[in-house]
């Protein structure tokens, strides 16, 4: 990579961050079972299967969801497919759940 290409990439990333535009994020597909839902907090507790792309074993965890409205159709013991994205370093949020 040339020096000018590196500068252009750095500038593009800085402009995207400053404008609130997201740079392409890696999604991590997963499956699990709904345990509890807290619509007021926008969270769901899932017993999820291993998530290979994150190298996570199966476990039960609380997750925030980007779209609180997506929680309205969920029920305890329901099997779901969902996608996680890293919102902050080491902090994951559900970007899609069905």
PDB file of N, CA and C in Angstrom:
ATOM      1  N   UNK A   1       0.850  -1.167   0.000  1.00  0.00           N
ATOM      2  CA  UNK A   1       0.000   0.000   0.000  1.00  0.00           C
ATOM      3  C   UNK A   1       0.899   1.235   0.000  1.00  0.00           C
ATOM      4  N   UNK A   2       0.609   2.142  -0.895  1.00  0.00           N
ATOM      5  CA  UNK A   2       1.428   3.353  -0.983  1.00  0.00           C
ATOM      6  C   UNK A   2       1.073   4.312   0.142  1.00  0.00           C
ATOM      7  N   UNK A   3       1.949   5.247   0.356  1.00  0.00           N
ATOM      8  CA  UNK A   3       1.744   6.238   1.409  1.00  0.00           C
ATOM      9  C   UNK A   3       0.475   7.044   1.145  1.00  0.00           C
ATOM     10  N   UNK A   4       0.237   7.441  -0.095  1.00  0.00           N
ATOM     11  CA  UNK A   4      -0.955   8.237  -0.411  1.00  0.00           C
ATOM     12  C   UNK A   4      -2.228   7.399  -0.244  1.00  0.00           C
ATOM     13  N   UNK A   5      -2.171   6.107  -0.521  1.00  0.00           N
ATOM     14  CA  UNK A   5      -3.331   5.233  -0.323  1.00  0.00           C
ATOM     15  C   UNK A   5      -3.648   5.104   1.152  1.00  0.00           C
ATOM     16  N   UNK A   6      -2.613   4.967   1.976  1.00  0.00           N
ATOM     17  CA  UNK A   6      -2.821   4.894   3.430  1.00  0.00           C
ATOM     18  C   UNK A   6      -3.477   6.161   3.941  1.00  0.00           C
ATOM     19  N   UNK A   7      -2.999   7.312   3.500  1.00  0.00           N
ATOM     20  CA  UNK A   7      -3.587   8.582   3.932  1.00  0.00           C
ATOM     21  C   UNK A   7      -5.041   8.691   3.493  1.00  0.00           C
ATOM     22  N   UNK A   8      -5.329   8.253   2.286  1.00  0.00           N
ATOM     23  CA  UNK A   8      -6.708   8.305   1.788  1.00  0.00           C
ATOM     24  C   UNK A   8      -7.616   7.406   2.620  1.00  0.00           C
ATOM     25  N   UNK A   9      -7.132   6.235   2.986  1.00  0.00           N
ATOM     26  CA  UNK A   9      -7.913   5.316   3.808  1.00  0.00           C
ATOM     27  C   UNK A   9      -8.142   5.895   5.197  1.00  0.00           C
ATOM     28  N   UNK A  10      -7.107   6.448   5.794  1.00  0.00           N
ATOM     29  CA  UNK A  10      -7.234   7.068   7.118  1.00  0.00           C
ATOM     30  C   UNK A  10      -8.221   8.224   7.061  1.00  0.00           C
ATOM     31  N   UNK A  11      -8.143   9.041   6.042  1.00  0.00           N
ATOM     32  CA  UNK A  11      -9.058  10.168   5.891  1.00  0.00           C
ATOM     33  C   UNK A  11     -10.497   9.687   5.723  1.00  0.00           C
ATOM     34  N   UNK A  12     -10.706   8.665   4.924  1.00  0.00           N
ATOM     35  CA  UNK A  12     -12.053   8.123   4.710  1.00  0.00           C
ATOM     36  C   UNK A  12     -12.637   7.582   6.005  1.00  0.00           C
ATOM     37  N   UNK A  13     -11.841   6.864   6.782  1.00  0.00           N
ATOM     38  CA  UNK A  13     -12.311   6.331   8.061  1.00  0.00           C
ATOM     39  C   UNK A  13     -12.619   7.450   9.050  1.00  0.00           C
ATOM     40  N   UNK A  14     -11.770   8.466   9.079  1.00  0.00           N
ATOM     41  CA  UNK A  14     -12.001   9.599   9.980  1.00  0.00           C
ATOM     42  C   UNK A  14     -13.267  10.354   9.600  1.00  0.00           C
ATOM     43  N   UNK A  15     -13.476  10.560   8.312  1.00  0.00           N
ATOM     44  CA  UNK A  15     -14.689  11.249   7.855  1.00  0.00           C
ATOM     45  C   UNK A  15     -15.936  10.434   8.159  1.00  0.00           C
ATOM     46  N   UNK A  16     -15.870   9.137   7.980  1.00  0.00           N
ATOM     47  CA  UNK A  16     -17.011   8.272   8.285  1.00  0.00           C
ATOM     48  C   UNK A  16     -17.332   8.321   9.768  1.00  0.00           C
ATOM     49  N   UNK A  17     -16.304   8.277  10.608  1.00  0.00           N
ATOM     50  CA  UNK A  17     -16.525   8.333  12.057  1.00  0.00           C
ATOM     51  C   UNK A  17     -17.103   9.685  12.469  1.00  0.00           C
ATOM     52  N   UNK A  18     -16.595  10.753  11.894  1.00  0.00           N
ATOM     53  CA  UNK A  18     -17.070  12.094  12.234  1.00  0.00           C
ATOM     54  C   UNK A  18     -18.500  12.334  11.773  1.00  0.00           C
ATOM     55  N   UNK A  19     -18.887  11.712  10.672  1.00  0.00           N
ATOM     56  CA  UNK A  19     -20.229  11.939  10.131  1.00  0.00           C
ATOM     57  C   UNK A  19     -21.257  10.988  10.717  1.00  0.00           C
ATOM     58  N   UNK A  20     -20.797  10.015  11.507  1.00  0.00           N
ATOM     59  CA  UNK A  20     -21.722   9.033  12.066  1.00  0.00           C
ATOM     60  C   UNK A  20     -22.036   7.912  11.105  1.00  0.00           C
ATOM     61  N   UNK A  21     -21.440   7.933   9.941  1.00  0.00           N
ATOM     62  CA  UNK A  21     -21.633   6.868   8.966  1.00  0.00           C
ATOM     63  C   UNK A  21     -20.848   5.661   9.432  1.00  0.00           C
ATOM     64  N   UNK A  22     -21.470   4.515   9.405  1.00  0.00           N
ATOM     65  CA  UNK A  22     -20.746   3.337   9.869  1.00  0.00           C
ATOM     66  C   UNK A  22     -19.897   2.761   8.739  1.00  0.00           C
ATOM     67  N   UNK A  23     -18.736   2.328   9.111  1.00  0.00           N
ATOM     68  CA  UNK A  23     -17.876   1.610   8.196  1.00  0.00           C
ATOM     69  C   UNK A  23     -18.388   0.176   8.240  1.00  0.00           C
ATOM     70  N   UNK A  24     -18.254  -0.561   7.172  1.00  0.00           N
ATOM     71  CA  UNK A  24     -18.778  -1.925   7.116  1.00  0.00           C
ATOM     72  C   UNK A  24     -18.409  -2.689   8.378  1.00  0.00           C
ATOM     73  N   UNK A  25     -19.426  -3.268   9.004  1.00  0.00           N
ATOM     74  CA  UNK A  25     -19.208  -4.028  10.222  1.00  0.00           C
ATOM     75  C   UNK A  25     -19.394  -5.507   9.942  1.00  0.00           C
ATOM     76  N   UNK A  26     -18.606  -6.303  10.615  1.00  0.00           N
ATOM     77  CA  UNK A  26     -18.747  -7.739  10.500  1.00  0.00           C
ATOM     78  C   UNK A  26     -19.946  -8.178  11.315  1.00  0.00           C
ATOM     79  N   UNK A  27     -20.802  -8.988  10.715  1.00  0.00           N
ATOM     80  CA  UNK A  27     -21.927  -9.548  11.451  1.00  0.00           C
ATOM     81  C   UNK A  27     -21.581 -10.975  11.848  1.00  0.00           C
ATOM     82  N   UNK A  28     -22.092 -11.370  12.988  1.00  0.00           N
ATOM     83  CA  UNK A  28     -21.838 -12.693  13.521  1.00  0.00           C
ATOM     84  C   UNK A  28     -23.174 -13.415  13.661  1.00  0.00           C
ATOM     85  N   UNK A  29     -23.497 -14.329  12.734  1.00  0.00           N
ATOM     86  CA  UNK A  29     -24.775 -15.044  12.797  1.00  0.00           C
ATOM     87  C   UNK A  29     -24.777 -16.065  13.929  1.00  0.00           C
ATOM     88  N   UNK A  30     -25.959 -16.229  14.534  1.00  0.00           N
ATOM     89  CA  UNK A  30     -26.075 -17.173  15.644  1.00  0.00           C
ATOM     90  C   UNK A  30     -27.513 -17.654  15.786  1.00  0.00           C
ATOM     91  N   UNK A  31     -27.673 -18.701  16.564  1.00  0.00           N
ATOM     92  CA  UNK A  31     -28.997 -19.221  16.892  1.00  0.00           C
ATOM     93  C   UNK A  31     -29.068 -19.415  18.398  1.00  0.00           C
ATOM     94  N   UNK A  32     -30.288 -19.402  18.908  1.00  0.00           N
ATOM     95  CA  UNK A  32     -30.446 -19.600  20.337  1.00  0.00           C
ATOM     96  C   UNK A  32     -31.902 -19.691  20.730  1.00  0.00           C
ATOM     97  N   UNK A  33     -32.133 -19.688  22.038  1.00  0.00           N
ATOM     98  CA  UNK A  33     -33.476 -19.780  22.601  1.00  0.00           C
ATOM     99  C   UNK A  33     -33.677 -18.599  23.548  1.00  0.00           C
ATOM    100  N   UNK A  34     -34.817 -17.921  23.393  1.00  0.00           N
ATOM    101  CA  UNK A  34     -35.152 -16.779  24.247  1.00  0.00           C
ATOM    102  C   UNK A  34     -35.436 -17.279  25.658  1.00  0.00           C
ATOM    103  N   UNK A  35     -34.816 -16.651  26.635  1.00  0.00           N
ATOM    104  CA  UNK A  35     -35.072 -16.971  28.042  1.00  0.00           C
ATOM    105  C   UNK A  35     -35.942 -15.894  28.679  1.00  0.00           C
ATOM    106  N   UNK A  36     -35.512 -14.638  28.585  1.00  0.00           N
ATOM    107  CA  UNK A  36     -36.307 -13.523  29.119  1.00  0.00           C
ATOM    108  C   UNK A  36     -36.184 -12.327  28.185  1.00  0.00           C
ATOM    109  N   UNK A  37     -37.169 -11.433  28.288  1.00  0.00           N
ATOM    110  CA  UNK A  37     -37.205 -10.225  27.468  1.00  0.00           C
ATOM    111  C   UNK A  37     -37.462  -9.046  28.387  1.00  0.00           C
ATOM    112  N   UNK A  38     -36.688  -7.993  28.247  1.00  0.00           N
ATOM    113  CA  UNK A  38     -36.925  -6.750  28.989  1.00  0.00           C
ATOM    114  C   UNK A  38     -37.073  -5.632  27.958  1.00  0.00           C
ATOM    115  N   UNK A  39     -38.317  -5.429  27.523  1.00  0.00           N
ATOM    116  CA  UNK A  39     -38.591  -4.445  26.473  1.00  0.00           C
ATOM    117  C   UNK A  39     -38.216  -3.040  26.911  1.00  0.00           C
ATOM    118  N   UNK A  40     -38.415  -2.712  28.174  1.00  0.00           N
ATOM    119  CA  UNK A  40     -38.101  -1.364  28.670  1.00  0.00           C
ATOM    120  C   UNK A  40     -36.612  -1.060  28.541  1.00  0.00           C
ATOM    121  N   UNK A  41     -35.782  -2.040  28.819  1.00  0.00           N
ATOM    122  CA  UNK A  41     -34.326  -1.859  28.718  1.00  0.00           C
ATOM    123  C   UNK A  41     -33.797  -2.159  27.322  1.00  0.00           C
ATOM    124  N   UNK A  42     -34.632  -2.803  26.494  1.00  0.00           N
ATOM    125  CA  UNK A  42     -34.181  -3.167  25.154  1.00  0.00           C
ATOM    126  C   UNK A  42     -33.193  -4.307  25.164  1.00  0.00           C
ATOM    127  N   UNK A  43     -33.428  -5.282  26.083  1.00  0.00           N
ATOM    128  CA  UNK A  43     -32.521  -6.417  26.180  1.00  0.00           C
ATOM    129  C   UNK A  43     -33.278  -7.740  26.100  1.00  0.00           C
ATOM    130  N   UNK A  44     -32.546  -8.767  25.733  1.00  0.00           N
ATOM    131  CA  UNK A  44     -33.085 -10.119  25.688  1.00  0.00           C
ATOM    132  C   UNK A  44     -32.006 -11.057  26.222  1.00  0.00           C
ATOM    133  N   UNK A  45     -32.436 -12.031  27.015  1.00  0.00           N
ATOM    134  CA  UNK A  45     -31.515 -13.064  27.493  1.00  0.00           C
ATOM    135  C   UNK A  45     -31.681 -14.267  26.588  1.00  0.00           C
ATOM    136  N   UNK A  46     -30.574 -14.709  26.019  1.00  0.00           N
ATOM    137  CA  UNK A  46     -30.588 -15.833  25.080  1.00  0.00           C
ATOM    138  C   UNK A  46     -29.649 -16.939  25.556  1.00  0.00           C
ATOM    139  N   UNK A  47     -30.102 -18.178  25.432  1.00  0.00           N
ATOM    140  CA  UNK A  47     -29.222 -19.332  25.576  1.00  0.00           C
ATOM    141  C   UNK A  47     -28.785 -19.645  24.149  1.00  0.00           C
ATOM    142  N   UNK A  48     -27.592 -19.202  23.792  1.00  0.00           N
ATOM    143  CA  UNK A  48     -27.179 -19.339  22.391  1.00  0.00           C
ATOM    144  C   UNK A  48     -26.247 -20.522  22.179  1.00  0.00           C
ATOM    145  N   UNK A  49     -26.280 -21.004  20.950  1.00  0.00           N
ATOM    146  CA  UNK A  49     -25.373 -22.063  20.514  1.00  0.00           C
ATOM    147  C   UNK A  49     -23.986 -21.446  20.347  1.00  0.00           C
ATOM    148  N   UNK A  50     -22.949 -22.263  20.148  1.00  0.00           N
ATOM    149  CA  UNK A  50     -21.622 -21.685  19.907  1.00  0.00           C
ATOM    150  C   UNK A  50     -21.653 -20.700  18.728  1.00  0.00           C
ATOM    151  N   UNK A  51     -20.914 -19.608  18.865  1.00  0.00           N
ATOM    152  CA  UNK A  51     -20.813 -18.612  17.799  1.00  0.00           C
ATOM    153  C   UNK A  51     -19.388 -18.722  17.253  1.00  0.00           C
ATOM    154  N   UNK A  52     -19.259 -19.457  16.165  1.00  0.00           N
ATOM    155  CA  UNK A  52     -17.941 -19.799  15.617  1.00  0.00           C
ATOM    156  C   UNK A  52     -17.116 -18.572  15.258  1.00  0.00           C
ATOM    157  N   UNK A  53     -17.756 -17.567  14.645  1.00  0.00           N
ATOM    158  CA  UNK A  53     -16.991 -16.397  14.193  1.00  0.00           C
ATOM    159  C   UNK A  53     -16.404 -15.594  15.345  1.00  0.00           C
ATOM    160  N   UNK A  54     -16.963 -15.745  16.551  1.00  0.00           N
ATOM    161  CA  UNK A  54     -16.427 -15.066  17.736  1.00  0.00           C
ATOM    162  C   UNK A  54     -15.633 -16.012  18.636  1.00  0.00           C
ATOM    163  N   UNK A  55     -15.656 -17.302  18.265  1.00  0.00           N
ATOM    164  CA  UNK A  55     -15.000 -18.339  19.068  1.00  0.00           C
ATOM    165  C   UNK A  55     -15.599 -18.397  20.478  1.00  0.00           C
ATOM    166  N   UNK A  56     -16.942 -18.207  20.555  1.00  0.00           N
ATOM    167  CA  UNK A  56     -17.655 -18.277  21.830  1.00  0.00           C
ATOM    168  C   UNK A  56     -18.296 -19.655  21.966  1.00  0.00           C
ATOM    169  N   UNK A  57     -18.215 -20.259  23.142  1.00  0.00           N
ATOM    170  CA  UNK A  57     -18.941 -21.509  23.361  1.00  0.00           C
ATOM    171  C   UNK A  57     -20.430 -21.206  23.592  1.00  0.00           C
ATOM    172  N   UNK A  58     -21.230 -22.236  23.624  1.00  0.00           N
ATOM    173  CA  UNK A  58     -22.646 -22.064  23.958  1.00  0.00           C
ATOM    174  C   UNK A  58     -22.738 -21.522  25.388  1.00  0.00           C
ATOM    175  N   UNK A  59     -23.626 -20.561  25.596  1.00  0.00           N
ATOM    176  CA  UNK A  59     -23.827 -20.000  26.934  1.00  0.00           C
ATOM    177  C   UNK A  59     -25.109 -19.178  26.950  1.00  0.00           C
ATOM    178  N   UNK A  60     -25.499 -18.729  28.120  1.00  0.00           N
ATOM    179  CA  UNK A  60     -26.668 -17.864  28.274  1.00  0.00           C
ATOM    180  C   UNK A  60     -26.175 -16.468  28.609  1.00  0.00           C
ATOM    181  N   UNK A  61     -26.649 -15.487  27.838  1.00  0.00           N
ATOM    182  CA  UNK A  61     -26.177 -14.106  27.989  1.00  0.00           C
ATOM    183  C   UNK A  61     -27.311 -13.120  27.765  1.00  0.00           C
ATOM    184  N   UNK A  62     -27.154 -11.928  28.344  1.00  0.00           N
ATOM    185  CA  UNK A  62     -28.046 -10.802  28.056  1.00  0.00           C
ATOM    186  C   UNK A  62     -27.450 -10.024  26.889  1.00  0.00           C
ATOM    187  N   UNK A  63     -28.309  -9.623  25.961  1.00  0.00           N
ATOM    188  CA  UNK A  63     -27.877  -8.812  24.827  1.00  0.00           C
ATOM    189  C   UNK A  63     -28.788  -7.605  24.682  1.00  0.00           C
ATOM    190  N   UNK A  64     -28.197  -6.476  24.333  1.00  0.00           N
ATOM    191  CA  UNK A  64     -28.980  -5.307  23.915  1.00  0.00           C
ATOM    192  C   UNK A  64     -29.361  -5.502  22.456  1.00  0.00           C
ATOM    193  N   UNK A  65     -30.509  -4.939  22.080  1.00  0.00           N
ATOM    194  CA  UNK A  65     -30.919  -4.974  20.680  1.00  0.00           C
ATOM    195  C   UNK A  65     -30.920  -3.553  20.140  1.00  0.00           C
ATOM    196  N   UNK A  66     -30.556  -3.399  18.891  1.00  0.00           N
ATOM    197  CA  UNK A  66     -30.557  -2.068  18.268  1.00  0.00           C
ATOM    198  C   UNK A  66     -31.975  -1.544  18.110  1.00  0.00           C
ATOM    199  N   UNK A  67     -32.905  -2.436  17.769  1.00  0.00           N
ATOM    200  CA  UNK A  67     -34.287  -2.041  17.505  1.00  0.00           C
ATOM    201  C   UNK A  67     -35.195  -2.665  18.564  1.00  0.00           C
ATOM    202  N   UNK A  68     -35.586  -1.867  19.559  1.00  0.00           N
ATOM    203  CA  UNK A  68     -36.421  -2.377  20.648  1.00  0.00           C
ATOM    204  C   UNK A  68     -37.726  -2.979  20.139  1.00  0.00           C
ATOM    205  N   UNK A  69     -38.229  -2.481  19.026  1.00  0.00           N
ATOM    206  CA  UNK A  69     -39.483  -2.997  18.465  1.00  0.00           C
ATOM    207  C   UNK A  69     -39.357  -4.472  18.086  1.00  0.00           C
ATOM    208  N   UNK A  70     -38.153  -4.930  17.798  1.00  0.00           N
ATOM    209  CA  UNK A  70     -37.965  -6.333  17.418  1.00  0.00           C
ATOM    210  C   UNK A  70     -38.247  -7.282  18.579  1.00  0.00           C
ATOM    211  N   UNK A  71     -38.297  -6.757  19.793  1.00  0.00           N
ATOM    212  CA  UNK A  71     -38.570  -7.599  20.956  1.00  0.00           C
ATOM    213  C   UNK A  71     -40.058  -7.935  21.094  1.00  0.00           C
ATOM    214  N   UNK A  72     -40.920  -7.161  20.450  1.00  0.00           N
ATOM    215  CA  UNK A  72     -42.366  -7.306  20.620  1.00  0.00           C
ATOM    216  C   UNK A  72     -42.891  -8.677  20.207  1.00  0.00           C
ATOM    217  N   UNK A  73     -42.262  -9.311  19.258  1.00  0.00           N
ATOM    218  CA  UNK A  73     -42.760 -10.597  18.758  1.00  0.00           C
ATOM    219  C   UNK A  73     -42.107 -11.803  19.431  1.00  0.00           C
ATOM    220  N   UNK A  74     -41.146 -11.556  20.311  1.00  0.00           N
ATOM    221  CA  UNK A  74     -40.430 -12.661  20.947  1.00  0.00           C
ATOM    222  C   UNK A  74     -41.181 -13.189  22.157  1.00  0.00           C
ATOM    223  N   UNK A  75     -41.019 -14.491  22.391  1.00  0.00           N
ATOM    224  CA  UNK A  75     -41.640 -15.171  23.531  1.00  0.00           C
ATOM    225  C   UNK A  75     -40.594 -16.074  24.185  1.00  0.00           C
ATOM    226  N   UNK A  76     -40.684 -16.266  25.509  1.00  0.00           N
ATOM    227  CA  UNK A  76     -39.767 -17.204  26.168  1.00  0.00           C
ATOM    228  C   UNK A  76     -39.852 -18.597  25.530  1.00  0.00           C
ATOM    229  N   UNK A  77     -38.738 -19.260  25.461  1.00  0.00           N
ATOM    230  CA  UNK A  77     -38.567 -20.606  24.892  1.00  0.00           C
ATOM    231  C   UNK A  77     -38.667 -20.638  23.363  1.00  0.00           C
ATOM    232  N   UNK A  78     -38.743 -19.480  22.731  1.00  0.00           N
ATOM    233  CA  UNK A  78     -38.789 -19.400  21.265  1.00  0.00           C
ATOM    234  C   UNK A  78     -37.377 -19.548  20.704  1.00  0.00           C
ATOM    235  N   UNK A  79     -37.226 -20.370  19.662  1.00  0.00           N
ATOM    236  CA  UNK A  79     -35.944 -20.488  18.966  1.00  0.00           C
ATOM    237  C   UNK A  79     -35.812 -19.309  18.015  1.00  0.00           C
ATOM    238  N   UNK A  80     -34.629 -18.703  17.978  1.00  0.00           N
ATOM    239  CA  UNK A  80     -34.405 -17.524  17.138  1.00  0.00           C
ATOM    240  C   UNK A  80     -33.076 -17.627  16.401  1.00  0.00           C
ATOM    241  N   UNK A  81     -33.012 -16.902  15.300  1.00  0.00           N
ATOM    242  CA  UNK A  81     -31.772 -16.654  14.583  1.00  0.00           C
ATOM    243  C   UNK A  81     -31.477 -15.177  14.803  1.00  0.00           C
ATOM    244  N   UNK A  82     -30.215 -14.834  15.026  1.00  0.00           N
ATOM    245  CA  UNK A  82     -29.883 -13.429  15.250  1.00  0.00           C
ATOM    246  C   UNK A  82     -28.485 -13.136  14.731  1.00  0.00           C
ATOM    247  N   UNK A  83     -28.212 -11.851  14.606  1.00  0.00           N
ATOM    248  CA  UNK A  83     -26.888 -11.397  14.181  1.00  0.00           C
ATOM    249  C   UNK A  83     -26.370 -10.393  15.198  1.00  0.00           C
ATOM    250  N   UNK A  84     -25.111 -10.522  15.512  1.00  0.00           N
ATOM    251  CA  UNK A  84     -24.440  -9.596  16.417  1.00  0.00           C
ATOM    252  C   UNK A  84     -23.470  -8.728  15.631  1.00  0.00           C
ATOM    253  N   UNK A  85     -23.323  -7.495  16.080  1.00  0.00           N
ATOM    254  CA  UNK A  85     -22.261  -6.630  15.569  1.00  0.00           C
ATOM    255  C   UNK A  85     -21.539  -6.024  16.767  1.00  0.00           C
ATOM    256  N   UNK A  86     -20.279  -5.734  16.588  1.00  0.00           N
ATOM    257  CA  UNK A  86     -19.498  -5.116  17.658  1.00  0.00           C
ATOM    258  C   UNK A  86     -19.766  -3.622  17.633  1.00  0.00           C
ATOM    259  N   UNK A  87     -20.453  -3.152  18.672  1.00  0.00           N
ATOM    260  CA  UNK A  87     -20.811  -1.734  18.748  1.00  0.00           C
ATOM    261  C   UNK A  87     -19.653  -0.920  19.306  1.00  0.00           C
ATOM    262  N   UNK A  88     -19.051  -1.405  20.349  1.00  0.00           N
ATOM    263  CA  UNK A  88     -17.852  -0.832  20.944  1.00  0.00           C
ATOM    264  C   UNK A  88     -16.873  -1.978  21.136  1.00  0.00           C
ATOM    265  N   UNK A  89     -15.624  -1.673  21.346  1.00  0.00           N
ATOM    266  CA  UNK A  89     -14.602  -2.711  21.497  1.00  0.00           C
ATOM    267  C   UNK A  89     -15.047  -3.740  22.542  1.00  0.00           C
ATOM    268  N   UNK A  90     -15.302  -4.968  22.084  1.00  0.00           N
ATOM    269  CA  UNK A  90     -15.684  -6.047  22.982  1.00  0.00           C
ATOM    270  C   UNK A  90     -17.133  -6.047  23.430  1.00  0.00           C
ATOM    271  N   UNK A  91     -17.938  -5.117  22.935  1.00  0.00           N
ATOM    272  CA  UNK A  91     -19.354  -5.013  23.306  1.00  0.00           C
ATOM    273  C   UNK A  91     -20.221  -5.275  22.078  1.00  0.00           C
ATOM    274  N   UNK A  92     -21.040  -6.309  22.150  1.00  0.00           N
ATOM    275  CA  UNK A  92     -21.828  -6.728  21.011  1.00  0.00           C
ATOM    276  C   UNK A  92     -23.309  -6.427  21.228  1.00  0.00           C
ATOM    277  N   UNK A  93     -23.987  -6.081  20.136  1.00  0.00           N
ATOM    278  CA  UNK A  93     -25.409  -5.760  20.164  1.00  0.00           C
ATOM    279  C   UNK A  93     -26.088  -6.559  19.045  1.00  0.00           C
ATOM    280  N   UNK A  94     -27.348  -6.928  19.279  1.00  0.00           N
ATOM    281  CA  UNK A  94     -28.101  -7.649  18.250  1.00  0.00           C
ATOM    282  C   UNK A  94     -28.587  -6.655  17.217  1.00  0.00           C
ATOM    283  N   UNK A  95     -28.196  -6.881  15.979  1.00  0.00           N
ATOM    284  CA  UNK A  95     -28.605  -5.992  14.882  1.00  0.00           C
ATOM    285  C   UNK A  95     -29.829  -6.538  14.169  1.00  0.00           C
ATOM    286  N   UNK A  96     -30.073  -7.854  14.323  1.00  0.00           N
ATOM    287  CA  UNK A  96     -31.233  -8.485  13.689  1.00  0.00           C
ATOM    288  C   UNK A  96     -31.582  -9.714  14.497  1.00  0.00           C
ATOM    289  N   UNK A  97     -32.907  -9.926  14.694  1.00  0.00           N
ATOM    290  CA  UNK A  97     -33.363 -11.129  15.383  1.00  0.00           C
ATOM    291  C   UNK A  97     -34.685 -11.547  14.790  1.00  0.00           C
ATOM    292  N   UNK A  98     -34.848 -12.852  14.547  1.00  0.00           N
ATOM    293  CA  UNK A  98     -36.131 -13.351  14.021  1.00  0.00           C
ATOM    294  C   UNK A  98     -36.389 -14.761  14.513  1.00  0.00           C
TER     295      UNK A  98
END
